[in-house]
N, C-alpha and C. Protein backbone atom coordinates (compact mmCIF):
# COMPACT_ATOMS: atom_id res chain seq x y z
N UNK A 1 -21.66 13.17 -13.94
CA UNK A 1 -20.76 12.95 -15.20
C UNK A 1 -20.62 11.18 -15.23
N UNK A 2 -20.86 10.78 -16.35
CA UNK A 2 -20.87 9.46 -16.38
C UNK A 2 -19.46 9.01 -17.36
N UNK A 3 -18.63 7.84 -16.84
CA UNK A 3 -17.57 7.66 -17.90
C UNK A 3 -17.20 6.04 -17.81
N UNK A 4 -16.43 5.64 -18.10
CA UNK A 4 -15.95 3.88 -18.35
C UNK A 4 -14.30 3.86 -18.08
N UNK A 5 -14.04 2.68 -17.95
CA UNK A 5 -12.52 2.27 -17.40
C UNK A 5 -12.88 1.01 -17.09
N UNK A 6 -12.08 0.51 -18.10
CA UNK A 6 -11.98 -1.04 -18.29
C UNK A 6 -13.38 -1.81 -18.35
N UNK A 7 -14.36 -1.26 -18.95
CA UNK A 7 -15.50 -1.58 -19.05
C UNK A 7 -16.45 -1.45 -17.84
N UNK A 8 -16.08 -0.70 -16.89
CA UNK A 8 -17.09 -0.11 -15.76
C UNK A 8 -17.65 0.82 -15.82
N UNK A 9 -18.79 1.16 -15.83
CA UNK A 9 -19.39 2.52 -15.62
C UNK A 9 -19.41 3.01 -14.26
N UNK A 10 -19.15 4.43 -13.97
CA UNK A 10 -19.16 5.00 -13.12
C UNK A 10 -19.63 6.17 -12.77
N UNK A 11 -19.97 7.00 -11.92
CA UNK A 11 -20.83 7.95 -11.47
C UNK A 11 -19.71 9.11 -10.56
N UNK A 12 -19.38 9.96 -10.76
CA UNK A 12 -19.00 11.24 -10.32
C UNK A 12 -19.94 12.48 -10.28
N UNK A 13 -19.90 13.26 -9.40
CA UNK A 13 -20.42 14.72 -9.37
C UNK A 13 -19.52 15.75 -9.26
N UNK A 14 -19.43 16.76 -10.19
CA UNK A 14 -18.83 18.23 -9.91
C UNK A 14 -19.29 18.87 -9.05
N UNK A 15 -20.18 18.67 -8.35
CA UNK A 15 -20.69 19.09 -6.89
C UNK A 15 -20.02 18.74 -5.63
N UNK A 16 -19.35 17.84 -6.04
CA UNK A 16 -18.67 17.51 -4.78
C UNK A 16 -17.52 17.84 -4.33
N UNK A 17 -16.81 17.80 -3.23
CA UNK A 17 -15.53 18.60 -2.55
C UNK A 17 -14.16 18.65 -3.14
N UNK A 18 -14.07 17.83 -4.32
CA UNK A 18 -12.82 17.74 -5.08
C UNK A 18 -12.09 16.37 -4.69
N UNK A 19 -12.96 15.53 -3.85
CA UNK A 19 -12.01 14.12 -3.77
C UNK A 19 -12.89 13.35 -4.19
N UNK A 20 -14.26 12.90 -4.16
CA UNK A 20 -14.81 11.57 -4.62
C UNK A 20 -15.28 12.15 -6.12
N UNK A 21 -14.74 13.38 -6.74
CA UNK A 21 -15.51 13.49 -8.08
C UNK A 21 -13.94 13.30 -8.83
N UNK A 22 -12.73 12.61 -8.49
CA UNK A 22 -11.98 12.14 -9.22
C UNK A 22 -11.51 10.70 -9.12
N UNK A 23 -10.89 10.48 -10.07
CA UNK A 23 -10.88 8.67 -9.88
C UNK A 23 -9.25 8.84 -9.57
N UNK A 24 -9.15 7.92 -8.42
CA UNK A 24 -7.42 8.30 -7.91
C UNK A 24 -7.12 7.13 -8.46
N UNK A 25 -5.44 6.93 -8.38
CA UNK A 25 -4.94 5.72 -8.75
C UNK A 25 -5.01 4.86 -8.15
N UNK A 26 -5.03 4.85 -6.72
CA UNK A 26 -5.08 3.80 -5.72
C UNK A 26 -6.23 3.22 -5.99
N UNK A 27 -7.40 3.65 -6.37
CA UNK A 27 -8.37 3.04 -6.68
C UNK A 27 -8.62 2.28 -7.95
N UNK A 28 -7.92 2.54 -9.01
CA UNK A 28 -7.84 1.80 -10.30
C UNK A 28 -6.80 0.82 -9.66
N UNK A 29 -5.64 0.83 -8.86
CA UNK A 29 -5.01 -0.33 -8.75
C UNK A 29 -5.64 -1.24 -8.19
N UNK A 30 -6.27 -1.08 -6.95
CA UNK A 30 -7.23 -2.15 -6.23
C UNK A 30 -8.25 -2.75 -7.28
N UNK A 31 -8.81 -1.83 -7.92
CA UNK A 31 -9.83 -2.42 -9.16
C UNK A 31 -9.12 -3.37 -9.86
N UNK A 32 -8.04 -3.08 -10.55
CA UNK A 32 -7.65 -3.90 -11.51
C UNK A 32 -7.15 -5.05 -11.05
N UNK A 33 -6.57 -5.23 -9.78
CA UNK A 33 -6.12 -6.36 -9.35
C UNK A 33 -7.45 -7.52 -8.70
N UNK A 34 -8.44 -6.55 -8.61
CA UNK A 34 -9.42 -7.36 -8.27
C UNK A 34 -10.18 -8.17 -10.05
N UNK A 35 -9.88 -7.22 -10.65
CA UNK A 35 -10.41 -7.64 -12.05
C UNK A 35 -9.73 -9.06 -12.30
N UNK A 36 -8.42 -8.91 -12.44
CA UNK A 36 -7.40 -9.97 -12.79
C UNK A 36 -7.26 -10.95 -11.81
N UNK A 37 -7.92 -10.97 -10.55
CA UNK A 37 -7.77 -11.86 -9.50
C UNK A 37 -6.82 -12.01 -8.68
N UNK A 38 -5.96 -11.32 -9.08
CA UNK A 38 -4.84 -11.05 -7.90
C UNK A 38 -5.38 -10.85 -6.69
N UNK A 39 -6.40 -10.19 -6.29
CA UNK A 39 -7.17 -10.18 -4.95
C UNK A 39 -8.34 -10.87 -5.31
N UNK A 40 -8.69 -12.16 -4.67
CA UNK A 40 -9.68 -12.52 -4.70
C UNK A 40 -10.67 -12.40 -3.73
N UNK A 41 -11.92 -11.97 -4.24
CA UNK A 41 -12.98 -11.53 -3.50
C UNK A 41 -14.17 -12.56 -3.61
N UNK A 42 -14.15 -13.51 -4.73
CA UNK A 42 -15.29 -14.34 -4.70
C UNK A 42 -15.76 -14.74 -3.50
N UNK A 43 -17.15 -14.73 -2.93
CA UNK A 43 -17.75 -15.53 -1.92
C UNK A 43 -17.54 -14.27 -0.69
N UNK A 44 -16.92 -13.37 -0.70
CA UNK A 44 -16.55 -12.27 0.50
C UNK A 44 -17.62 -11.18 0.57
N UNK A 45 -17.71 -10.99 1.88
CA UNK A 45 -18.56 -9.77 2.32
C UNK A 45 -17.76 -8.81 2.35
N UNK A 46 -17.49 -7.59 1.29
CA UNK A 46 -16.42 -6.50 1.23
C UNK A 46 -17.08 -5.29 1.44
N UNK A 47 -16.58 -4.33 2.27
CA UNK A 47 -16.81 -2.98 2.73
C UNK A 47 -15.57 -2.12 2.13
N UNK A 48 -16.18 -1.35 1.47
CA UNK A 48 -15.45 0.16 0.89
C UNK A 48 -15.63 1.22 1.65
N UNK A 49 -14.59 2.03 2.08
CA UNK A 49 -14.87 2.92 2.97
C UNK A 49 -13.97 4.08 2.14
N UNK A 50 -14.63 5.12 2.21
CA UNK A 50 -14.37 6.56 1.65
C UNK A 50 -14.20 6.18 -0.07
N UNK A 51 -15.31 5.71 -0.53
CA UNK A 51 -15.27 5.11 -1.90
C UNK A 51 -15.29 5.95 -3.13
N UNK A 52 -15.80 7.21 -2.71
CA UNK A 52 -15.64 7.91 -3.99
C UNK A 52 -16.68 7.08 -5.25
N UNK A 53 -15.74 7.21 -6.40
CA UNK A 53 -16.92 6.55 -7.59
C UNK A 53 -16.48 4.96 -7.47
N UNK A 54 -16.28 4.38 -6.49
CA UNK A 54 -16.18 2.93 -6.04
C UNK A 54 -15.79 2.12 -7.10
N UNK A 55 -14.73 2.12 -7.80
CA UNK A 55 -14.17 1.22 -8.65
C UNK A 55 -13.88 0.16 -8.20
N UNK A 56 -13.04 0.14 -6.94
CA UNK A 56 -12.96 -1.63 -6.42
C UNK A 56 -14.21 -2.35 -5.74
N UNK A 57 -15.35 -1.32 -5.57
CA UNK A 57 -16.81 -1.75 -5.28
C UNK A 57 -17.04 -2.71 -6.81
N UNK A 58 -17.04 -1.80 -7.37
CA UNK A 58 -17.55 -2.19 -8.74
C UNK A 58 -16.78 -3.49 -9.28
N UNK A 59 -15.43 -3.46 -9.14
CA UNK A 59 -14.74 -4.60 -9.31
C UNK A 59 -15.33 -5.95 -8.71
N UNK A 60 -15.43 -5.40 -7.42
CA UNK A 60 -15.54 -6.82 -6.21
C UNK A 60 -17.15 -7.14 -6.41
N UNK A 61 -17.96 -6.17 -6.85
CA UNK A 61 -19.22 -7.09 -7.32
C UNK A 61 -19.16 -7.56 -8.56
N UNK A 62 -18.42 -7.35 -9.77
CA UNK A 62 -18.50 -7.97 -10.65
C UNK A 62 -17.68 -9.65 -10.59
N UNK A 63 -16.79 -9.74 -9.53
CA UNK A 63 -15.96 -10.66 -9.42
C UNK A 63 -16.35 -11.55 -8.35
N UNK A 64 -17.73 -11.38 -7.83
CA UNK A 64 -18.16 -12.78 -7.15
C UNK A 64 -18.40 -12.45 -5.40
N UNK A 65 -18.09 -11.12 -5.02
CA UNK A 65 -18.19 -10.83 -3.88
C UNK A 65 -19.58 -11.12 -3.49
N UNK A 66 -20.01 -11.76 -2.11
CA UNK A 66 -21.24 -12.14 -1.84
C UNK A 66 -21.95 -10.76 -1.24
N UNK A 67 -21.25 -9.76 -0.83
CA UNK A 67 -22.07 -8.62 -0.39
C UNK A 67 -20.88 -7.68 -0.62
N UNK A 68 -21.27 -6.55 -1.31
CA UNK A 68 -20.40 -5.49 -1.54
C UNK A 68 -21.18 -4.05 -0.71
N UNK A 69 -20.59 -3.28 0.03
CA UNK A 69 -21.31 -2.35 0.44
C UNK A 69 -20.00 -0.99 0.27
N UNK A 70 -20.47 -0.07 -0.33
CA UNK A 70 -19.40 1.13 -0.86
C UNK A 70 -20.02 2.30 0.19
N UNK A 71 -18.82 2.74 0.96
CA UNK A 71 -19.38 3.80 1.68
C UNK A 71 -18.57 5.47 1.43
N UNK A 72 -19.11 6.29 2.00
CA UNK A 72 -18.64 7.78 1.73
C UNK A 72 -19.38 8.80 2.65
N UNK A 73 -18.87 9.99 2.80
CA UNK A 73 -19.37 10.97 4.06
C UNK A 73 -21.02 11.04 3.48
N UNK A 74 -21.40 11.49 4.27
CA UNK A 74 -22.99 11.48 4.26
C UNK A 74 -23.39 12.63 3.37
N UNK A 75 -22.69 13.06 2.32
CA UNK A 75 -23.26 14.19 1.75
C UNK A 75 -24.18 13.89 0.39
N UNK A 76 -25.27 14.82 0.25
CA UNK A 76 -25.99 14.21 -0.93
C UNK A 76 -25.37 13.99 -2.23
N UNK A 77 -24.55 14.63 -2.54
CA UNK A 77 -23.82 14.54 -3.84
C UNK A 77 -22.92 13.16 -4.08
N UNK A 78 -22.51 12.82 -2.97
CA UNK A 78 -21.59 11.40 -3.02
C UNK A 78 -22.16 10.09 -2.94
N UNK A 79 -23.26 10.58 -2.08
CA UNK A 79 -24.12 9.30 -1.90
C UNK A 79 -25.22 8.86 -3.21
N UNK A 80 -25.27 10.28 -3.70
CA UNK A 80 -26.47 10.03 -5.09
C UNK A 80 -25.54 9.60 -6.18
N UNK A 81 -24.08 9.62 -6.14
CA UNK A 81 -23.11 9.04 -7.38
C UNK A 81 -23.24 7.83 -6.69
N UNK A 82 -22.90 7.52 -5.43
CA UNK A 82 -22.44 6.09 -5.33
C UNK A 82 -23.73 5.25 -5.53
N UNK A 83 -25.04 5.37 -5.46
CA UNK A 83 -26.20 4.73 -5.62
C UNK A 83 -26.42 4.65 -7.09
N UNK A 84 -26.35 5.68 -8.01
CA UNK A 84 -26.17 5.24 -9.20
C UNK A 84 -25.20 4.16 -9.65
N UNK A 85 -24.02 4.02 -9.08
CA UNK A 85 -22.98 3.30 -9.41
C UNK A 85 -23.42 1.55 -8.80
N UNK A 86 -24.25 2.00 -7.90
CA UNK A 86 -24.67 0.49 -6.80
C UNK A 86 -25.76 0.02 -7.62
N UNK A 87 -26.75 1.05 -8.35
CA UNK A 87 -27.58 0.37 -9.11
C UNK A 87 -27.31 -0.32 -10.26
N UNK A 88 -26.25 0.04 -10.86
CA UNK A 88 -25.39 -0.21 -12.18
C UNK A 88 -25.12 -1.75 -12.15
N UNK A 89 -24.20 -1.57 -10.98
CA UNK A 89 -23.60 -2.80 -10.58
C UNK A 89 -23.93 -3.91 -9.53
N UNK A 90 -25.21 -3.54 -9.01
CA UNK A 90 -25.51 -4.61 -7.70
C UNK A 90 -24.73 -4.72 -6.62
N UNK A 91 -24.44 -3.55 -6.15
CA UNK A 91 -23.96 -3.44 -4.61
C UNK A 91 -24.61 -2.30 -4.15
N UNK A 92 -24.54 -2.02 -2.48
CA UNK A 92 -25.29 -1.18 -1.97
C UNK A 92 -24.31 0.02 -1.31
N UNK A 93 -24.89 1.15 -1.44
CA UNK A 93 -24.25 2.61 -1.10
C UNK A 93 -24.64 3.16 -0.08
N UNK A 94 -23.79 3.22 0.96
CA UNK A 94 -24.05 3.83 2.20
C UNK A 94 -23.43 5.07 2.76
N UNK A 95 -23.61 6.04 3.40
CA UNK A 95 -23.32 6.88 4.26
C UNK A 95 -22.61 6.46 5.38
N UNK A 96 -21.37 6.94 5.67
CA UNK A 96 -20.38 6.12 6.92
C UNK A 96 -19.39 7.22 6.97
N UNK A 97 -19.63 7.76 8.09
CA UNK A 97 -18.67 8.85 8.75
C UNK A 97 -17.52 7.92 9.68
N UNK A 98 -16.35 8.11 9.32
CA UNK A 98 -15.15 7.45 9.80
C UNK A 98 -15.39 7.57 11.56
N UNK A 99 -14.91 6.48 12.22
CA UNK A 99 -15.35 6.39 13.69
C UNK A 99 -16.49 5.62 13.98
N UNK A 100 -17.48 5.37 13.29
CA UNK A 100 -18.78 4.51 13.38
C UNK A 100 -18.52 3.53 12.33
N UNK A 101 -19.58 2.71 12.42
CA UNK A 101 -19.60 1.46 11.70
C UNK A 101 -21.00 1.28 11.38
N UNK A 102 -21.52 0.46 10.33
CA UNK A 102 -22.62 0.04 10.04
C UNK A 102 -23.38 -0.73 10.74
N UNK A 103 -24.22 -0.38 11.82
CA UNK A 103 -24.45 -1.32 12.57
C UNK A 103 -25.60 -2.65 12.60
N UNK A 104 -26.20 -2.21 11.30
CA UNK A 104 -27.34 -3.09 10.66
C UNK A 104 -26.97 -4.13 9.61
N UNK A 105 -25.41 -4.09 9.56
CA UNK A 105 -24.71 -5.05 8.66
C UNK A 105 -23.63 -6.35 9.22
N UNK A 106 -23.56 -7.13 8.83
CA UNK A 106 -22.81 -7.88 9.23
C UNK A 106 -21.18 -7.70 9.34
N UNK A 107 -20.50 -8.11 9.99
CA UNK A 107 -19.05 -7.69 9.98
C UNK A 107 -18.72 -8.21 8.58
N UNK A 108 -17.46 -7.69 8.03
CA UNK A 108 -16.67 -8.07 6.71
C UNK A 108 -15.38 -8.85 6.39
N UNK A 109 -15.55 -9.70 5.30
CA UNK A 109 -14.34 -10.08 5.07
C UNK A 109 -12.98 -9.69 4.65
N UNK A 110 -13.32 -8.25 4.21
CA UNK A 110 -12.32 -7.68 3.48
C UNK A 110 -12.91 -6.05 3.50
N UNK A 111 -12.35 -5.15 4.04
CA UNK A 111 -12.31 -3.88 3.88
C UNK A 111 -11.48 -3.13 3.09
N UNK A 112 -11.91 -2.26 2.06
CA UNK A 112 -11.37 -1.66 1.08
C UNK A 112 -11.02 -0.24 1.34
N UNK A 113 -10.02 0.35 1.32
CA UNK A 113 -9.53 1.39 1.54
C UNK A 113 -8.57 2.18 0.34
N UNK A 114 -9.35 2.89 -0.68
CA UNK A 114 -7.98 3.51 -1.44
C UNK A 114 -8.01 4.80 -1.51
N UNK A 115 -6.74 5.33 -1.39
CA UNK A 115 -6.29 6.54 -1.16
C UNK A 115 -7.17 7.56 -0.12
N UNK A 116 -7.31 6.87 1.20
CA UNK A 116 -8.06 7.36 1.98
C UNK A 116 -6.93 7.85 3.03
N UNK A 117 -5.80 7.89 3.20
CA UNK A 117 -5.01 8.19 4.34
C UNK A 117 -4.16 9.56 4.03
N UNK A 118 -4.56 10.14 3.35
CA UNK A 118 -3.68 11.33 3.00
C UNK A 118 -3.78 12.39 4.39
N UNK A 119 -4.43 12.36 5.02
CA UNK A 119 -5.06 13.12 5.82
C UNK A 119 -4.85 12.68 7.39
N UNK A 120 -3.48 12.94 8.12
CA UNK A 120 -3.43 12.13 9.14
C UNK A 120 -4.42 12.63 10.08
N UNK A 121 -5.01 13.55 10.26
CA UNK A 121 -6.22 13.80 11.25
C UNK A 121 -6.81 12.70 11.31
N UNK A 122 -7.22 12.14 10.29
CA UNK A 122 -8.49 11.21 10.05
C UNK A 122 -8.22 9.66 10.59
N UNK A 123 -6.95 9.41 10.40
CA UNK A 123 -6.45 8.18 10.91
C UNK A 123 -6.73 7.09 12.06
N UNK A 124 -7.15 7.98 12.91
CA UNK A 124 -7.53 7.26 14.12
C UNK A 124 -9.01 6.52 14.25
N UNK A 125 -10.09 7.78 13.53
CA UNK A 125 -11.40 7.42 12.89
C UNK A 125 -11.61 6.23 12.09
N UNK A 126 -10.65 6.17 11.29
CA UNK A 126 -10.86 5.38 10.12
C UNK A 126 -10.24 4.06 10.18
N UNK A 127 -8.97 4.01 11.41
CA UNK A 127 -8.85 2.92 11.86
C UNK A 127 -10.09 2.38 12.81
N UNK A 128 -10.42 2.96 13.39
CA UNK A 128 -11.41 2.74 14.32
C UNK A 128 -12.80 2.09 13.29
N UNK A 129 -13.01 2.40 12.19
CA UNK A 129 -14.09 1.95 11.46
C UNK A 129 -13.67 0.66 11.06
N UNK A 130 -12.52 0.56 10.01
CA UNK A 130 -12.08 -0.62 9.84
C UNK A 130 -11.60 -1.67 10.77
N UNK A 131 -11.33 -1.69 12.15
CA UNK A 131 -11.31 -2.89 13.17
C UNK A 131 -12.48 -3.23 13.73
N UNK A 132 -13.61 -1.90 13.64
CA UNK A 132 -14.77 -2.75 13.88
C UNK A 132 -15.53 -3.23 13.20
N UNK A 133 -15.36 -3.27 11.84
CA UNK A 133 -15.88 -3.52 10.71
C UNK A 133 -15.37 -5.11 10.05
N UNK A 134 -14.09 -5.42 10.90
CA UNK A 134 -13.49 -6.96 10.20
C UNK A 134 -14.29 -7.97 11.09
N UNK A 135 -14.86 -9.10 10.72
CA UNK A 135 -15.55 -10.06 10.77
C UNK A 135 -14.77 -10.70 12.18
N UNK A 136 -13.38 -11.22 11.73
CA UNK A 136 -12.61 -12.17 12.74
C UNK A 136 -11.14 -11.89 12.20
N UNK A 137 -10.40 -12.90 12.75
CA UNK A 137 -8.80 -12.70 12.43
C UNK A 137 -8.57 -13.21 11.12
N UNK A 138 -9.35 -13.65 10.74
CA UNK A 138 -9.00 -13.89 9.08
C UNK A 138 -9.39 -12.95 8.27
N UNK A 139 -10.23 -12.09 8.74
CA UNK A 139 -10.57 -10.95 7.58
C UNK A 139 -9.57 -9.90 7.80
N UNK A 140 -9.55 -9.53 6.78
CA UNK A 140 -8.41 -7.99 6.61
C UNK A 140 -9.07 -6.83 5.72
N UNK A 141 -8.22 -5.90 6.13
CA UNK A 141 -8.03 -4.73 5.43
C UNK A 141 -7.33 -4.40 4.32
N UNK A 142 -7.42 -3.83 3.12
CA UNK A 142 -6.48 -3.69 2.02
C UNK A 142 -6.73 -1.87 2.00
N UNK A 143 -5.51 -1.44 2.11
CA UNK A 143 -5.05 -0.12 2.12
C UNK A 143 -3.99 0.12 1.19
N UNK A 144 -4.52 0.79 -0.04
CA UNK A 144 -3.71 1.40 -1.28
C UNK A 144 -3.74 2.84 -1.00
N UNK A 145 -2.72 3.43 -0.89
CA UNK A 145 -2.89 5.03 -0.92
C UNK A 145 -1.38 5.52 -1.93
N UNK A 146 -1.61 7.03 -2.06
CA UNK A 146 -0.41 7.55 -2.59
C UNK A 146 -0.04 8.63 -1.56
N UNK A 147 1.26 9.20 -1.74
CA UNK A 147 1.57 10.56 -1.14
C UNK A 147 1.03 11.92 -1.73
N UNK A 148 0.22 12.35 -1.20
CA UNK A 148 -0.35 13.42 -1.77
C UNK A 148 0.34 14.92 -1.53
N UNK A 149 1.50 14.97 -0.84
CA UNK A 149 2.25 16.18 -0.63
C UNK A 149 1.64 17.13 0.49
N UNK A 150 0.80 16.76 0.76
CA UNK A 150 -0.21 17.76 1.90
C UNK A 150 0.33 17.23 3.16
N UNK A 151 1.07 16.69 3.61
CA UNK A 151 1.57 16.03 4.80
C UNK A 151 2.83 15.34 4.44
N UNK A 152 3.60 15.31 5.55
CA UNK A 152 5.08 14.80 5.48
C UNK A 152 4.56 13.14 5.31
N UNK A 153 5.92 12.26 4.74
CA UNK A 153 5.13 11.07 4.12
C UNK A 153 5.41 10.40 5.39
N UNK A 154 6.24 10.67 6.34
CA UNK A 154 6.13 9.94 7.70
C UNK A 154 4.95 10.10 8.61
N UNK A 155 4.21 11.04 8.35
CA UNK A 155 3.00 11.31 8.88
C UNK A 155 2.04 10.50 8.51
N UNK A 156 1.68 10.18 7.10
CA UNK A 156 0.97 8.96 6.38
C UNK A 156 1.55 7.83 6.38
N UNK A 157 2.69 7.50 6.74
CA UNK A 157 3.02 6.27 7.05
C UNK A 157 2.66 6.23 8.39
N UNK A 158 2.57 7.20 9.45
CA UNK A 158 1.83 6.66 10.56
C UNK A 158 0.93 6.17 10.89
N UNK A 159 0.02 6.10 9.62
CA UNK A 159 -1.46 5.60 9.86
C UNK A 159 -0.86 3.87 10.14
N UNK A 160 0.19 3.31 9.58
CA UNK A 160 0.38 1.69 9.79
C UNK A 160 1.13 1.41 11.16
N UNK A 161 1.59 2.60 11.55
CA UNK A 161 2.29 2.40 13.15
C UNK A 161 0.95 2.65 13.86
N UNK A 162 0.40 3.28 13.73
CA UNK A 162 -1.45 3.26 14.50
C UNK A 162 -1.95 2.24 14.44
N UNK A 163 -2.20 1.44 13.40
CA UNK A 163 -2.81 0.26 12.89
C UNK A 163 -2.21 -0.91 13.89
N UNK A 164 -1.26 -0.79 13.68
CA UNK A 164 -0.08 -1.86 14.78
C UNK A 164 -0.69 -1.58 16.29
N UNK A 165 -0.71 -0.43 16.55
CA UNK A 165 -0.92 -0.12 17.93
C UNK A 165 -2.05 -0.73 18.29
N UNK A 166 -3.16 -0.69 17.63
CA UNK A 166 -4.51 -0.94 17.76
C UNK A 166 -4.57 -2.46 17.70
N UNK A 167 -3.68 -3.26 17.40
CA UNK A 167 -3.75 -4.82 17.41
C UNK A 167 -3.86 -5.55 16.08
N UNK A 168 -3.88 -4.37 15.09
CA UNK A 168 -3.73 -5.22 13.50
C UNK A 168 -2.56 -5.18 13.50
N UNK A 169 -2.30 -6.46 12.57
CA UNK A 169 -1.36 -6.90 11.74
C UNK A 169 -1.03 -6.33 10.66
N UNK A 170 0.19 -5.91 10.25
CA UNK A 170 0.13 -4.99 8.98
C UNK A 170 1.45 -5.75 7.98
N UNK A 171 1.11 -5.75 7.10
CA UNK A 171 1.68 -6.61 5.79
C UNK A 171 2.10 -5.61 4.96
N UNK A 172 3.26 -5.24 4.35
CA UNK A 172 3.63 -4.13 3.49
C UNK A 172 3.81 -5.22 2.02
N UNK A 173 2.78 -4.52 1.27
CA UNK A 173 2.93 -5.81 -0.09
C UNK A 173 4.16 -4.99 -1.32
N UNK A 174 4.23 -3.81 -1.08
CA UNK A 174 5.46 -3.27 -2.18
C UNK A 174 4.85 -1.99 -2.58
N UNK A 175 5.62 -1.20 -3.49
CA UNK A 175 5.14 0.02 -4.13
C UNK A 175 5.09 -0.36 -5.49
N UNK A 176 3.76 0.27 -5.98
CA UNK A 176 3.68 0.49 -7.41
C UNK A 176 3.46 2.00 -7.74
N UNK A 177 4.46 2.36 -8.84
CA UNK A 177 4.20 3.57 -9.34
C UNK A 177 3.17 3.75 -10.30
N UNK A 178 2.20 4.99 -10.00
CA UNK A 178 1.12 5.01 -10.77
C UNK A 178 0.94 6.52 -11.33
N UNK A 179 0.59 6.43 -12.46
CA UNK A 179 0.71 8.04 -13.06
C UNK A 179 -0.82 8.77 -12.67
N UNK A 180 -0.83 9.75 -12.28
CA UNK A 180 -2.08 10.58 -12.27
C UNK A 180 -2.97 9.85 -13.33
N UNK A 181 -4.61 10.03 -12.68
CA UNK A 181 -5.50 9.90 -13.74
C UNK A 181 -6.04 10.82 -14.11
N UNK A 182 -6.56 11.00 -15.60
CA UNK A 182 -6.78 12.20 -15.91
C UNK A 182 -7.89 13.15 -14.99
N UNK A 183 -8.72 12.49 -14.40
CA UNK A 183 -9.47 13.58 -13.37
C UNK A 183 -8.66 13.95 -12.27
N UNK A 184 -7.53 13.20 -12.16
CA UNK A 184 -6.63 13.62 -11.00
C UNK A 184 -5.83 14.90 -11.15
N UNK A 185 -5.57 14.96 -12.71
CA UNK A 185 -4.50 16.13 -12.95
C UNK A 185 -4.87 17.51 -12.46
N UNK A 186 -6.62 17.53 -12.58
CA UNK A 186 -7.33 18.92 -12.29
C UNK A 186 -7.50 18.89 -10.56
N UNK A 187 -7.22 17.96 -9.82
CA UNK A 187 -7.43 18.03 -8.39
C UNK A 187 -6.30 18.20 -7.64
N UNK A 188 -5.25 17.44 -8.29
CA UNK A 188 -3.80 17.64 -7.70
C UNK A 188 -3.20 18.71 -8.23
């Protein structure tokens, strides 16, 4: 299925597991902040983990990132949809299981993660991927999330304590209340 949001075409598949076939509010927030340049990606190497429909990657590609690689679970439907968006917007789509890194790619200046911390069981592997994908001490990861109600809020927030325990610096930017997107209403 093809849709548009703020003049960005994206692709999703109803054959997916119910996560990547929804446009999540956190992805919209990150994409909108890139589009209005509150997050400046010009000239950066950008990795998106758990990209789904890849709105943040599309926005990064549009706003001058030097390299954009969107990743998601190595299922045919998710990679197929990412590939369609990648061809339309000029970025690369790759399969990536958290806990691993893209060995053949350079490290990244920015790692984007939008609405991927809702399952505490995956926190350690996601953090491992983030930490090993960052290029240097000036590189950063941007993690936007919402509470989904599937785990206690303190367990979700445990992601950031775990990040600090692995040596990453955590900076809290503030909360923004987002409304569910149309596609989320059927998933949540």
